[in-house]
Amino acid sequence: MKNNYFHPIKIGNLDVAGNIFIAPLAGYTNLPTRLFYRKQGASVAYAEMVSTEGLNYNFNKSVKLIDTCNEDKLLGVQLFGYNAERFLSAFEKIKNEHFDIIDINCGCSVKKIIKSNSGAALLKSPEEIYRTIRGLKESTDKPVTLKIRSGWDPQNINYQEVYDAAEKGGASLITLHPRTKSMLFSGKANWEHIKSLKKCSTIPVIGNGDIFTADDAVRIFEETGCDGIMLARGVIENPFLVEEIIAKLTDTVYIQKSYDEKLNAAIQHCRSLEDYMQSPERAAAEFRKFFHGYVKGLPGASKLRAAVNCTASPDELEDVIHLYKDRILKKT
């Protein structure tokens, strides 16, 4: 029986066609990769997170992270920084760029980000989060959103307090990854926190964390009542996760990709990186971190990955894949 989990969503003044989001993933969600997920049905995708200090001091290099095109809609830009003044100064640098949503990172737990009092370190300062969101709301008509964790550590679970500050400041949406900063990506995401937040929230709540399969997507909707979901590591592990989830949520028969289709999609992804980067060498190197998701479960996958890791261009990658098809796939 068809459920109602996949549906349009309102984010501030934006009417969004669907409620499957792609998280801002440093080193991963570049323009060609976002377009790959959009073709499967992702309605909102975030560019790689951008440093406020990078924009304030090295604008040309940092703004490259939010390259976009007409097909890259709706686009969220996520900033990380340590206080409202730095966020507002950075936003002034990019306010005329082409994007749709501005997001505040209150969840990144990478050591160097925390050391600069950014990312999840902001969870300790709900008042600073309020000041940042309020300041941005006074500077733009774009929706202002934020992504948070449950708290700093198990003794300091304060997602409710952070939500209160964000909602008071005028946030249009909140995404909760229900792990603490101290957990990093270990343990299990506590979806009960999403459920609790959804019950009291006046703005859309997006669930994030441990969504690796279409069944996981159904469960998080069922268990939390969240308004939408944000995919992160799941789409790296399974490049076709978006379309699998949408099929499941819309009660549509989904035919799993054949080995040949997966490999052809891998070639296409690598070629799109080459077109974007204008460098065969850089494209081949960039694509390696995506490749394991395409070949998971294939016979001889480890040897194929090792061979691809030695390629220096998309042409060489394609040769390796065609050789694999001839020697391995045709025998299975």
C-alpha atoms as a PDB file:
ATOM      1  CA  MET A   1       0.000   0.000   0.000  1.00  0.00           C
ATOM      2  CA  LYS A   2       1.365   3.429  -0.986  1.00  0.00           C
ATOM      3  CA  ASN A   3       2.559   5.643   1.863  1.00  0.00           C
ATOM      4  CA  ASN A   4       2.627   9.435   1.976  1.00  0.00           C
ATOM      5  CA  TYR A   5       6.246   9.848   3.007  1.00  0.00           C
ATOM      6  CA  PHE A   6       7.499  11.260  -0.306  1.00  0.00           C
ATOM      7  CA  HIS A   7       5.881  14.653  -0.810  1.00  0.00           C
ATOM      8  CA  PRO A   8       6.486  18.349  -1.536  1.00  0.00           C
ATOM      9  CA  ILE A   9       7.845  20.513   1.261  1.00  0.00           C
ATOM     10  CA  LYS A  10       7.905  24.223   2.005  1.00  0.00           C
ATOM     11  CA  ILE A  11      11.187  25.850   3.059  1.00  0.00           C
ATOM     12  CA  GLY A  12      10.540  29.469   3.894  1.00  0.00           C
ATOM     13  CA  ASN A  13       9.377  31.059   0.651  1.00  0.00           C
ATOM     14  CA  LEU A  14      10.416  28.064  -1.448  1.00  0.00           C
ATOM     15  CA  ASP A  15       8.054  25.379  -2.705  1.00  0.00           C
ATOM     16  CA  VAL A  16      10.144  22.221  -3.029  1.00  0.00           C
ATOM     17  CA  ALA A  17       8.983  19.324  -5.214  1.00  0.00           C
ATOM     18  CA  GLY A  18      10.226  16.558  -2.934  1.00  0.00           C
ATOM     19  CA  ASN A  19      11.720  15.862   0.473  1.00  0.00           C
ATOM     20  CA  ILE A  20      14.885  13.900  -0.327  1.00  0.00           C
ATOM     21  CA  PHE A  21      17.961  16.049   0.409  1.00  0.00           C
ATOM     22  CA  ILE A  22      21.660  15.520  -0.311  1.00  0.00           C
ATOM     23  CA  ALA A  23      23.925  16.598   2.540  1.00  0.00           C
ATOM     24  CA  PRO A  24      26.893  18.924   2.142  1.00  0.00           C
ATOM     25  CA  LEU A  25      29.822  16.476   2.021  1.00  0.00           C
ATOM     26  CA  ALA A  26      33.313  17.953   2.021  1.00  0.00           C
ATOM     27  CA  GLY A  27      35.263  16.501  -0.878  1.00  0.00           C
ATOM     28  CA  TYR A  28      32.218  14.829  -2.426  1.00  0.00           C
ATOM     29  CA  THR A  29      29.234  17.016  -3.341  1.00  0.00           C
ATOM     30  CA  ASN A  30      30.791  18.898  -6.220  1.00  0.00           C
ATOM     31  CA  LEU A  31      28.619  20.083  -9.114  1.00  0.00           C
ATOM     32  CA  PRO A  32      28.811  16.956 -11.355  1.00  0.00           C
ATOM     33  CA  THR A  33      28.065  14.680  -8.415  1.00  0.00           C
ATOM     34  CA  ARG A  34      25.093  16.774  -7.286  1.00  0.00           C
ATOM     35  CA  LEU A  35      23.686  16.613 -10.811  1.00  0.00           C
ATOM     36  CA  PHE A  36      24.020  12.817 -10.748  1.00  0.00           C
ATOM     37  CA  TYR A  37      21.838  12.634  -7.615  1.00  0.00           C
ATOM     38  CA  ARG A  38      19.383  15.208  -8.969  1.00  0.00           C
ATOM     39  CA  LYS A  39      18.715  13.076 -12.037  1.00  0.00           C
ATOM     40  CA  GLN A  40      17.524  10.376  -9.645  1.00  0.00           C
ATOM     41  CA  GLY A  41      15.069  12.746  -7.980  1.00  0.00           C
ATOM     42  CA  ALA A  42      16.871  14.578  -5.162  1.00  0.00           C
ATOM     43  CA  SER A  43      15.071  17.914  -4.803  1.00  0.00           C
ATOM     44  CA  VAL A  44      17.603  19.781  -2.652  1.00  0.00           C
ATOM     45  CA  ALA A  45      21.359  19.283  -2.688  1.00  0.00           C
ATOM     46  CA  TYR A  46      23.954  21.162  -0.692  1.00  0.00           C
ATOM     47  CA  ALA A  47      27.349  22.091  -2.060  1.00  0.00           C
ATOM     48  CA  GLU A  48      30.446  21.207  -0.060  1.00  0.00           C
ATOM     49  CA  MET A  49      30.582  23.213   3.150  1.00  0.00           C
ATOM     50  CA  VAL A  50      32.401  26.525   2.815  1.00  0.00           C
ATOM     51  CA  SER A  51      34.570  28.255   5.404  1.00  0.00           C
ATOM     52  CA  THR A  52      33.564  31.770   6.397  1.00  0.00           C
ATOM     53  CA  GLU A  53      37.264  32.519   6.848  1.00  0.00           C
ATOM     54  CA  GLY A  54      37.994  31.163   3.392  1.00  0.00           C
ATOM     55  CA  LEU A  55      35.422  33.499   1.876  1.00  0.00           C
ATOM     56  CA  ASN A  56      36.672  36.427   3.929  1.00  0.00           C
ATOM     57  CA  TYR A  57      40.347  35.925   3.099  1.00  0.00           C
ATOM     58  CA  ASN A  58      40.605  33.716  -0.017  1.00  0.00           C
ATOM     59  CA  PHE A  59      37.364  34.332  -1.857  1.00  0.00           C
ATOM     60  CA  ASN A  60      38.244  33.047  -5.336  1.00  0.00           C
ATOM     61  CA  LYS A  61      39.348  29.638  -4.089  1.00  0.00           C
ATOM     62  CA  SER A  62      36.456  29.172  -1.652  1.00  0.00           C
ATOM     63  CA  VAL A  63      33.669  30.373  -3.954  1.00  0.00           C
ATOM     64  CA  LYS A  64      34.651  27.644  -6.433  1.00  0.00           C
ATOM     65  CA  LEU A  65      32.982  25.203  -4.037  1.00  0.00           C
ATOM     66  CA  ILE A  66      29.574  26.631  -4.946  1.00  0.00           C
ATOM     67  CA  ASP A  67      29.898  26.452  -8.721  1.00  0.00           C
ATOM     68  CA  THR A  68      26.466  25.798 -10.151  1.00  0.00           C
ATOM     69  CA  CYS A  69      24.380  25.721 -13.323  1.00  0.00           C
ATOM     70  CA  ASN A  70      20.737  25.978 -14.370  1.00  0.00           C
ATOM     71  CA  GLU A  71      20.083  22.282 -13.681  1.00  0.00           C
ATOM     72  CA  ASP A  72      21.497  22.506 -10.157  1.00  0.00           C
ATOM     73  CA  LYS A  73      18.256  23.415  -8.383  1.00  0.00           C
ATOM     74  CA  LEU A  74      17.497  23.748  -5.548  1.00  0.00           C
ATOM     75  CA  LEU A  75      20.973  24.501  -4.235  1.00  0.00           C
ATOM     76  CA  GLY A  76      21.927  24.961  -0.607  1.00  0.00           C
ATOM     77  CA  VAL A  77      25.161  26.594   0.490  1.00  0.00           C
ATOM     78  CA  GLN A  78      26.410  25.626   3.942  1.00  0.00           C
ATOM     79  CA  LEU A  79      28.821  27.887   5.806  1.00  0.00           C
ATOM     80  CA  PHE A  80      30.923  27.014   8.833  1.00  0.00           C
ATOM     81  CA  GLY A  81      32.412  29.619  11.116  1.00  0.00           C
ATOM     82  CA  TYR A  82      32.718  30.684  14.724  1.00  0.00           C
ATOM     83  CA  ASN A  83      30.573  33.779  15.236  1.00  0.00           C
ATOM     84  CA  ALA A  84      27.766  35.818  13.732  1.00  0.00           C
ATOM     85  CA  GLU A  85      29.997  38.614  12.488  1.00  0.00           C
ATOM     86  CA  ARG A  86      32.162  36.237  10.442  1.00  0.00           C
ATOM     87  CA  PHE A  87      29.078  34.503   8.991  1.00  0.00           C
ATOM     88  CA  LEU A  88      27.513  37.813   7.976  1.00  0.00           C
ATOM     89  CA  SER A  89      30.756  39.117   6.482  1.00  0.00           C
ATOM     90  CA  ALA A  90      31.177  35.915   4.447  1.00  0.00           C
ATOM     91  CA  PHE A  91      27.558  35.991   3.314  1.00  0.00           C
ATOM     92  CA  GLU A  92      28.034  39.513   1.968  1.00  0.00           C
ATOM     93  CA  LYS A  93      30.741  38.072  -0.309  1.00  0.00           C
ATOM     94  CA  ILE A  94      28.432  35.452  -1.834  1.00  0.00           C
ATOM     95  CA  LYS A  95      24.949  36.960  -1.609  1.00  0.00           C
ATOM     96  CA  ASN A  96      24.829  37.620  -5.363  1.00  0.00           C
ATOM     97  CA  GLU A  97      25.937  34.096  -6.289  1.00  0.00           C
ATOM     98  CA  HIS A  98      23.310  31.676  -7.621  1.00  0.00           C
ATOM     99  CA  PHE A  99      21.963  29.548  -4.783  1.00  0.00           C
ATOM    100  CA  ASP A 100      18.629  29.086  -3.046  1.00  0.00           C
ATOM    101  CA  ILE A 101      19.220  28.258   0.619  1.00  0.00           C
ATOM    102  CA  ILE A 102      21.844  29.360   3.150  1.00  0.00           C
ATOM    103  CA  ASP A 103      22.649  26.782   5.841  1.00  0.00           C
ATOM    104  CA  ILE A 104      24.624  27.057   9.071  1.00  0.00           C
ATOM    105  CA  ASN A 105      26.857  24.124   9.973  1.00  0.00           C
ATOM    106  CA  CYS A 106      26.453  23.237  13.638  1.00  0.00           C
ATOM    107  CA  GLY A 107      27.368  19.600  13.291  1.00  0.00           C
ATOM    108  CA  CYS A 108      30.786  18.989  11.738  1.00  0.00           C
ATOM    109  CA  SER A 109      32.999  17.146  14.231  1.00  0.00           C
ATOM    110  CA  VAL A 110      36.275  17.131  12.294  1.00  0.00           C
ATOM    111  CA  LYS A 111      39.097  18.081  14.648  1.00  0.00           C
ATOM    112  CA  LYS A 112      40.395  21.084  12.707  1.00  0.00           C
ATOM    113  CA  ILE A 113      36.867  22.504  12.387  1.00  0.00           C
ATOM    114  CA  ILE A 114      36.229  22.089  16.122  1.00  0.00           C
ATOM    115  CA  LYS A 115      39.620  23.636  16.907  1.00  0.00           C
ATOM    116  CA  SER A 116      38.468  26.838  15.182  1.00  0.00           C
ATOM    117  CA  ASN A 117      35.319  26.851  17.371  1.00  0.00           C
ATOM    118  CA  SER A 118      33.213  26.102  14.297  1.00  0.00           C
ATOM    119  CA  GLY A 119      30.896  23.249  13.308  1.00  0.00           C
ATOM    120  CA  ALA A 120      29.624  21.274  16.291  1.00  0.00           C
ATOM    121  CA  ALA A 121      31.448  23.664  18.631  1.00  0.00           C
ATOM    122  CA  LEU A 122      28.595  26.109  17.979  1.00  0.00           C
ATOM    123  CA  LEU A 123      26.270  23.736  19.835  1.00  0.00           C
ATOM    124  CA  LYS A 124      27.828  25.140  22.995  1.00  0.00           C
ATOM    125  CA  SER A 125      26.602  28.625  22.047  1.00  0.00           C
ATOM    126  CA  PRO A 126      22.891  28.641  21.151  1.00  0.00           C
ATOM    127  CA  GLU A 127      22.907  32.424  21.556  1.00  0.00           C
ATOM    128  CA  GLU A 128      25.543  32.703  18.798  1.00  0.00           C
ATOM    129  CA  ILE A 129      23.397  30.502  16.580  1.00  0.00           C
ATOM    130  CA  TYR A 130      20.453  32.819  17.254  1.00  0.00           C
ATOM    131  CA  ARG A 131      22.539  35.912  16.423  1.00  0.00           C
ATOM    132  CA  THR A 132      23.823  34.320  13.207  1.00  0.00           C
ATOM    133  CA  ILE A 133      20.405  33.289  11.935  1.00  0.00           C
ATOM    134  CA  ARG A 134      18.791  36.566  12.953  1.00  0.00           C
ATOM    135  CA  GLY A 135      21.537  38.521  11.186  1.00  0.00           C
ATOM    136  CA  LEU A 136      21.215  36.472   8.011  1.00  0.00           C
ATOM    137  CA  LYS A 137      17.433  36.834   8.030  1.00  0.00           C
ATOM    138  CA  GLU A 138      17.895  40.591   8.084  1.00  0.00           C
ATOM    139  CA  SER A 139      20.290  40.369   5.120  1.00  0.00           C
ATOM    140  CA  THR A 140      18.466  38.065   2.708  1.00  0.00           C
ATOM    141  CA  ASP A 141      15.106  36.737   1.572  1.00  0.00           C
ATOM    142  CA  LYS A 142      16.639  33.294   1.037  1.00  0.00           C
ATOM    143  CA  PRO A 143      15.605  30.654   3.579  1.00  0.00           C
ATOM    144  CA  VAL A 144      18.107  30.244   6.399  1.00  0.00           C
ATOM    145  CA  THR A 145      18.466  26.676   7.658  1.00  0.00           C
ATOM    146  CA  LEU A 146      20.815  24.806   9.963  1.00  0.00           C
ATOM    147  CA  LYS A 147      22.199  21.311  10.471  1.00  0.00           C
ATOM    148  CA  ILE A 148      22.931  20.187  14.007  1.00  0.00           C
ATOM    149  CA  ARG A 149      23.889  17.216  16.139  1.00  0.00           C
ATOM    150  CA  SER A 150      22.104  16.146  19.307  1.00  0.00           C
ATOM    151  CA  GLY A 151      24.707  17.785  21.494  1.00  0.00           C
ATOM    152  CA  TRP A 152      28.374  17.947  22.418  1.00  0.00           C
ATOM    153  CA  ASP A 153      28.507  14.651  24.328  1.00  0.00           C
ATOM    154  CA  PRO A 154      26.084  12.337  26.177  1.00  0.00           C
ATOM    155  CA  GLN A 155      26.155  14.640  29.201  1.00  0.00           C
ATOM    156  CA  ASN A 156      25.288  17.677  27.083  1.00  0.00           C
ATOM    157  CA  ILE A 157      22.337  16.802  24.855  1.00  0.00           C
ATOM    158  CA  ASN A 158      20.927  20.210  23.904  1.00  0.00           C
ATOM    159  CA  TYR A 159      19.305  19.904  20.478  1.00  0.00           C
ATOM    160  CA  GLN A 160      16.066  21.269  21.935  1.00  0.00           C
ATOM    161  CA  GLU A 161      17.806  24.401  23.221  1.00  0.00           C
ATOM    162  CA  VAL A 162      19.576  24.864  19.895  1.00  0.00           C
ATOM    163  CA  TYR A 163      16.279  24.462  18.065  1.00  0.00           C
ATOM    164  CA  ASP A 164      14.645  27.079  20.305  1.00  0.00           C
ATOM    165  CA  ALA A 165      17.407  29.568  19.479  1.00  0.00           C
ATOM    166  CA  ALA A 166      17.215  28.797  15.759  1.00  0.00           C
ATOM    167  CA  GLU A 167      13.431  29.029  15.591  1.00  0.00           C
ATOM    168  CA  LYS A 168      13.495  32.305  17.524  1.00  0.00           C
ATOM    169  CA  GLY A 169      16.095  33.614  15.090  1.00  0.00           C
ATOM    170  CA  GLY A 170      13.865  32.819  12.109  1.00  0.00           C
ATOM    171  CA  ALA A 171      15.244  29.537  10.750  1.00  0.00           C
ATOM    172  CA  SER A 172      13.105  27.991   8.002  1.00  0.00           C
ATOM    173  CA  LEU A 173      14.215  24.367   8.490  1.00  0.00           C
ATOM    174  CA  ILE A 174      16.385  22.270  10.783  1.00  0.00           C
ATOM    175  CA  THR A 175      18.249  19.042  10.025  1.00  0.00           C
ATOM    176  CA  LEU A 176      19.144  16.842  12.971  1.00  0.00           C
ATOM    177  CA  HIS A 177      21.851  14.189  12.901  1.00  0.00           C
ATOM    178  CA  PRO A 178      21.115  12.526  16.231  1.00  0.00           C
ATOM    179  CA  ARG A 179      24.627  11.687  17.311  1.00  0.00           C
ATOM    180  CA  THR A 180      26.741  13.802  19.635  1.00  0.00           C
ATOM    181  CA  LYS A 181      29.952  15.484  18.559  1.00  0.00           C
ATOM    182  CA  SER A 182      31.922  13.042  20.708  1.00  0.00           C
ATOM    183  CA  MET A 183      30.417  10.059  18.842  1.00  0.00           C
ATOM    184  CA  LEU A 184      31.660  11.240  15.449  1.00  0.00           C
ATOM    185  CA  PHE A 185      30.111   8.504  13.234  1.00  0.00           C
ATOM    186  CA  SER A 186      30.356   5.672  15.755  1.00  0.00           C
ATOM    187  CA  GLY A 187      27.487   3.985  17.533  1.00  0.00           C
ATOM    188  CA  LYS A 188      23.917   4.335  16.370  1.00  0.00           C
ATOM    189  CA  ALA A 189      22.031   7.521  15.493  1.00  0.00           C
ATOM    190  CA  ASN A 190      19.282   8.059  18.077  1.00  0.00           C
ATOM    191  CA  TRP A 191      16.237   8.669  15.913  1.00  0.00           C
ATOM    192  CA  GLU A 192      14.165   9.271  19.065  1.00  0.00           C
ATOM    193  CA  HIS A 193      15.735  12.730  19.160  1.00  0.00           C
ATOM    194  CA  ILE A 194      14.318  13.453  15.698  1.00  0.00           C
ATOM    195  CA  LYS A 195      10.900  12.237  16.819  1.00  0.00           C
ATOM    196  CA  SER A 196      11.030  14.439  19.907  1.00  0.00           C
ATOM    197  CA  LEU A 197      12.105  17.490  17.932  1.00  0.00           C
ATOM    198  CA  LYS A 198       9.423  16.967  15.294  1.00  0.00           C
ATOM    199  CA  LYS A 199       6.700  16.899  17.952  1.00  0.00           C
ATOM    200  CA  CYS A 200       7.480  20.444  19.089  1.00  0.00           C
ATOM    201  CA  SER A 201       8.866  22.054  15.946  1.00  0.00           C
ATOM    202  CA  THR A 202       7.064  24.788  14.020  1.00  0.00           C
ATOM    203  CA  ILE A 203       9.437  24.413  11.064  1.00  0.00           C
ATOM    204  CA  PRO A 204      10.242  21.348   8.919  1.00  0.00           C
ATOM    205  CA  VAL A 205      12.498  18.782  10.579  1.00  0.00           C
ATOM    206  CA  ILE A 206      14.802  16.770   8.319  1.00  0.00           C
ATOM    207  CA  GLY A 207      16.119  13.461   9.613  1.00  0.00           C
ATOM    208  CA  ASN A 208      19.730  12.474   8.991  1.00  0.00           C
ATOM    209  CA  GLY A 209      21.904   9.601  10.125  1.00  0.00           C
ATOM    210  CA  ASP A 210      22.153   5.866   9.352  1.00  0.00           C
ATOM    211  CA  ILE A 211      20.065   5.952   6.167  1.00  0.00           C
ATOM    212  CA  PHE A 212      21.840   3.408   3.976  1.00  0.00           C
ATOM    213  CA  THR A 213      18.941   1.572   2.322  1.00  0.00           C
ATOM    214  CA  ALA A 214      15.432   2.255   1.075  1.00  0.00           C
ATOM    215  CA  ASP A 215      14.117   0.288   4.054  1.00  0.00           C
ATOM    216  CA  ASP A 216      16.057   2.616   6.383  1.00  0.00           C
ATOM    217  CA  ALA A 217      14.312   5.557   4.724  1.00  0.00           C
ATOM    218  CA  VAL A 218      10.884   4.060   5.346  1.00  0.00           C
ATOM    219  CA  ARG A 219      11.782   3.309   8.969  1.00  0.00           C
ATOM    220  CA  ILE A 220      12.994   6.812   9.767  1.00  0.00           C
ATOM    221  CA  PHE A 221       9.782   8.295   8.406  1.00  0.00           C
ATOM    222  CA  GLU A 222       7.682   5.754  10.313  1.00  0.00           C
ATOM    223  CA  GLU A 223       9.571   6.092  13.592  1.00  0.00           C
ATOM    224  CA  THR A 224      10.112   9.857  13.699  1.00  0.00           C
ATOM    225  CA  GLY A 225       7.419  11.546  11.598  1.00  0.00           C
ATOM    226  CA  CYS A 226      10.147  13.737  10.081  1.00  0.00           C
ATOM    227  CA  ASP A 227       9.285  16.004   7.158  1.00  0.00           C
ATOM    228  CA  GLY A 228      12.096  14.763   4.952  1.00  0.00           C
ATOM    229  CA  ILE A 229      15.442  12.999   4.984  1.00  0.00           C
ATOM    230  CA  MET A 230      19.002  14.034   4.217  1.00  0.00           C
ATOM    231  CA  LEU A 231      21.354  11.449   2.710  1.00  0.00           C
ATOM    232  CA  ALA A 232      25.073  11.551   3.372  1.00  0.00           C
ATOM    233  CA  ARG A 233      27.353   8.508   3.612  1.00  0.00           C
ATOM    234  CA  GLY A 234      24.558   6.365   2.179  1.00  0.00           C
ATOM    235  CA  VAL A 235      24.865   7.826  -1.324  1.00  0.00           C
ATOM    236  CA  ILE A 236      28.620   7.272  -1.313  1.00  0.00           C
ATOM    237  CA  GLU A 237      28.150   3.629  -0.367  1.00  0.00           C
ATOM    238  CA  ASN A 238      25.324   3.248  -2.908  1.00  0.00           C
ATOM    239  CA  PRO A 239      25.313   5.808  -5.748  1.00  0.00           C
ATOM    240  CA  PHE A 240      21.755   4.796  -6.717  1.00  0.00           C
ATOM    241  CA  LEU A 241      20.248   5.178  -3.257  1.00  0.00           C
ATOM    242  CA  VAL A 242      18.117   8.212  -4.135  1.00  0.00           C
ATOM    243  CA  GLU A 243      16.175   6.449  -6.868  1.00  0.00           C
ATOM    244  CA  GLU A 244      15.826   3.301  -4.756  1.00  0.00           C
ATOM    245  CA  ILE A 245      14.346   5.308  -1.884  1.00  0.00           C
ATOM    246  CA  ILE A 246      11.928   7.255  -4.073  1.00  0.00           C
ATOM    247  CA  ALA A 247      10.725   4.021  -5.687  1.00  0.00           C
ATOM    248  CA  LYS A 248      10.151   2.492  -2.243  1.00  0.00           C
ATOM    249  CA  LEU A 249       8.335   5.555  -0.928  1.00  0.00           C
ATOM    250  CA  THR A 250       6.090   5.788  -3.982  1.00  0.00           C
ATOM    251  CA  ASP A 251       5.372   2.062  -4.141  1.00  0.00           C
ATOM    252  CA  THR A 252       7.029   1.810  -7.544  1.00  0.00           C
ATOM    253  CA  VAL A 253       8.685  -1.375  -8.747  1.00  0.00           C
ATOM    254  CA  TYR A 254      12.438  -0.815  -8.732  1.00  0.00           C
ATOM    255  CA  ILE A 255      14.693  -2.909 -10.920  1.00  0.00           C
ATOM    256  CA  GLN A 256      18.166  -3.130  -9.463  1.00  0.00           C
ATOM    257  CA  LYS A 257      20.963  -1.950 -11.724  1.00  0.00           C
ATOM    258  CA  SER A 258      22.830  -4.688 -13.540  1.00  0.00           C
ATOM    259  CA  TYR A 259      26.599  -4.917 -13.154  1.00  0.00           C
ATOM    260  CA  ASP A 260      26.965  -3.510 -16.645  1.00  0.00           C
ATOM    261  CA  GLU A 261      24.695  -0.550 -15.878  1.00  0.00           C
ATOM    262  CA  LYS A 262      26.609   0.234 -12.704  1.00  0.00           C
ATOM    263  CA  LEU A 263      29.920   0.242 -14.527  1.00  0.00           C
ATOM    264  CA  ASN A 264      28.576   2.395 -17.348  1.00  0.00           C
ATOM    265  CA  ALA A 265      27.276   4.878 -14.778  1.00  0.00           C
ATOM    266  CA  ALA A 266      30.713   4.921 -13.149  1.00  0.00           C
ATOM    267  CA  ILE A 267      32.320   5.816 -16.473  1.00  0.00           C
ATOM    268  CA  GLN A 268      29.753   8.548 -17.029  1.00  0.00           C
ATOM    269  CA  HIS A 269      30.362   9.992 -13.556  1.00  0.00           C
ATOM    270  CA  CYS A 270      34.099  10.073 -14.127  1.00  0.00           C
ATOM    271  CA  ARG A 271      33.632  11.703 -17.544  1.00  0.00           C
ATOM    272  CA  SER A 272      31.427  14.397 -16.010  1.00  0.00           C
ATOM    273  CA  LEU A 273      34.217  15.178 -13.535  1.00  0.00           C
ATOM    274  CA  GLU A 274      36.656  15.415 -16.443  1.00  0.00           C
ATOM    275  CA  ASP A 275      34.412  17.900 -18.261  1.00  0.00           C
ATOM    276  CA  TYR A 276      34.051  19.955 -15.094  1.00  0.00           C
ATOM    277  CA  MET A 277      37.686  19.929 -14.006  1.00  0.00           C
ATOM    278  CA  GLN A 278      39.177  20.160 -17.496  1.00  0.00           C
ATOM    279  CA  SER A 279      41.877  17.782 -16.351  1.00  0.00           C
ATOM    280  CA  PRO A 280      41.905  14.014 -17.041  1.00  0.00           C
ATOM    281  CA  GLU A 281      44.428  13.425 -14.267  1.00  0.00           C
ATOM    282  CA  ARG A 282      42.470  15.310 -11.609  1.00  0.00           C
ATOM    283  CA  ALA A 283      39.189  13.711 -12.668  1.00  0.00           C
ATOM    284  CA  ALA A 284      40.611  10.185 -12.392  1.00  0.00           C
ATOM    285  CA  ALA A 285      42.074  10.932  -8.964  1.00  0.00           C
ATOM    286  CA  GLU A 286      38.852  12.573  -7.756  1.00  0.00           C
ATOM    287  CA  PHE A 287      36.693   9.687  -8.920  1.00  0.00           C
ATOM    288  CA  ARG A 288      38.580   6.969  -7.045  1.00  0.00           C
ATOM    289  CA  LYS A 289      36.809   7.724  -3.768  1.00  0.00           C
ATOM    290  CA  PHE A 290      33.416   7.184  -5.444  1.00  0.00           C
ATOM    291  CA  PHE A 291      34.289   3.992  -7.302  1.00  0.00           C
ATOM    292  CA  HIS A 292      33.865   1.507  -4.440  1.00  0.00           C
ATOM    293  CA  GLY A 293      30.148   2.345  -4.290  1.00  0.00           C
ATOM    294  CA  TYR A 294      29.652   1.381  -7.921  1.00  0.00           C
ATOM    295  CA  VAL A 295      31.370  -1.987  -7.677  1.00  0.00           C
ATOM    296  CA  LYS A 296      30.253  -3.214  -4.269  1.00  0.00           C
ATOM    297  CA  GLY A 297      29.107  -6.806  -4.688  1.00  0.00           C
ATOM    298  CA  LEU A 298      30.631  -7.298  -8.130  1.00  0.00           C
ATOM    299  CA  PRO A 299      32.782 -10.421  -8.652  1.00  0.00           C
ATOM    300  CA  GLY A 300      36.462  -9.540  -8.343  1.00  0.00           C
ATOM    301  CA  ALA A 301      35.595  -6.054  -7.075  1.00  0.00           C
ATOM    302  CA  SER A 302      38.763  -5.644  -4.989  1.00  0.00           C
ATOM    303  CA  LYS A 303      41.041  -6.346  -7.955  1.00  0.00           C
ATOM    304  CA  LEU A 304      38.988  -4.021 -10.130  1.00  0.00           C
ATOM    305  CA  ARG A 305      39.294  -1.233  -7.532  1.00  0.00           C
ATOM    306  CA  ALA A 306      43.035  -1.772  -7.323  1.00  0.00           C
ATOM    307  CA  ALA A 307      43.343  -1.507 -11.106  1.00  0.00           C
ATOM    308  CA  VAL A 308      41.215   1.651 -11.248  1.00  0.00           C
ATOM    309  CA  ASN A 309      43.315   3.216  -8.477  1.00  0.00           C
ATOM    310  CA  CYS A 310      46.289   3.005 -10.819  1.00  0.00           C
ATOM    311  CA  THR A 311      44.585   4.808 -13.714  1.00  0.00           C
ATOM    312  CA  ALA A 312      45.631   8.345 -14.601  1.00  0.00           C
ATOM    313  CA  SER A 313      42.711   9.392 -16.799  1.00  0.00           C
ATOM    314  CA  PRO A 314      39.082   8.560 -17.590  1.00  0.00           C
ATOM    315  CA  ASP A 315      40.300   6.921 -20.802  1.00  0.00           C
ATOM    316  CA  GLU A 316      42.461   4.516 -18.803  1.00  0.00           C
ATOM    317  CA  LEU A 317      39.613   3.910 -16.347  1.00  0.00           C
ATOM    318  CA  GLU A 318      37.294   3.044 -19.216  1.00  0.00           C
ATOM    319  CA  ASP A 319      39.866   0.649 -20.677  1.00  0.00           C
ATOM    320  CA  VAL A 320      40.218  -1.111 -17.324  1.00  0.00           C
ATOM    321  CA  ILE A 321      36.439  -1.463 -16.974  1.00  0.00           C
ATOM    322  CA  HIS A 322      36.002  -2.809 -20.510  1.00  0.00           C
ATOM    323  CA  LEU A 323      38.776  -5.331 -19.886  1.00  0.00           C
ATOM    324  CA  TYR A 324      37.047  -6.379 -16.656  1.00  0.00           C
ATOM    325  CA  LYS A 325      33.758  -6.806 -18.508  1.00  0.00           C
ATOM    326  CA  ASP A 326      35.401  -9.021 -21.124  1.00  0.00           C
ATOM    327  CA  ARG A 327      37.375 -11.150 -18.675  1.00  0.00           C
ATOM    328  CA  ILE A 328      35.028 -11.372 -15.676  1.00  0.00           C
ATOM    329  CA  LEU A 329      31.466 -10.300 -16.361  1.00  0.00           C
ATOM    330  CA  LYS A 330      31.003 -12.321 -19.520  1.00  0.00           C
ATOM    331  CA  LYS A 331      31.938 -15.437 -17.580  1.00  0.00           C
ATOM    332  CA  THR A 332      29.387 -14.898 -14.808  1.00  0.00           C
END
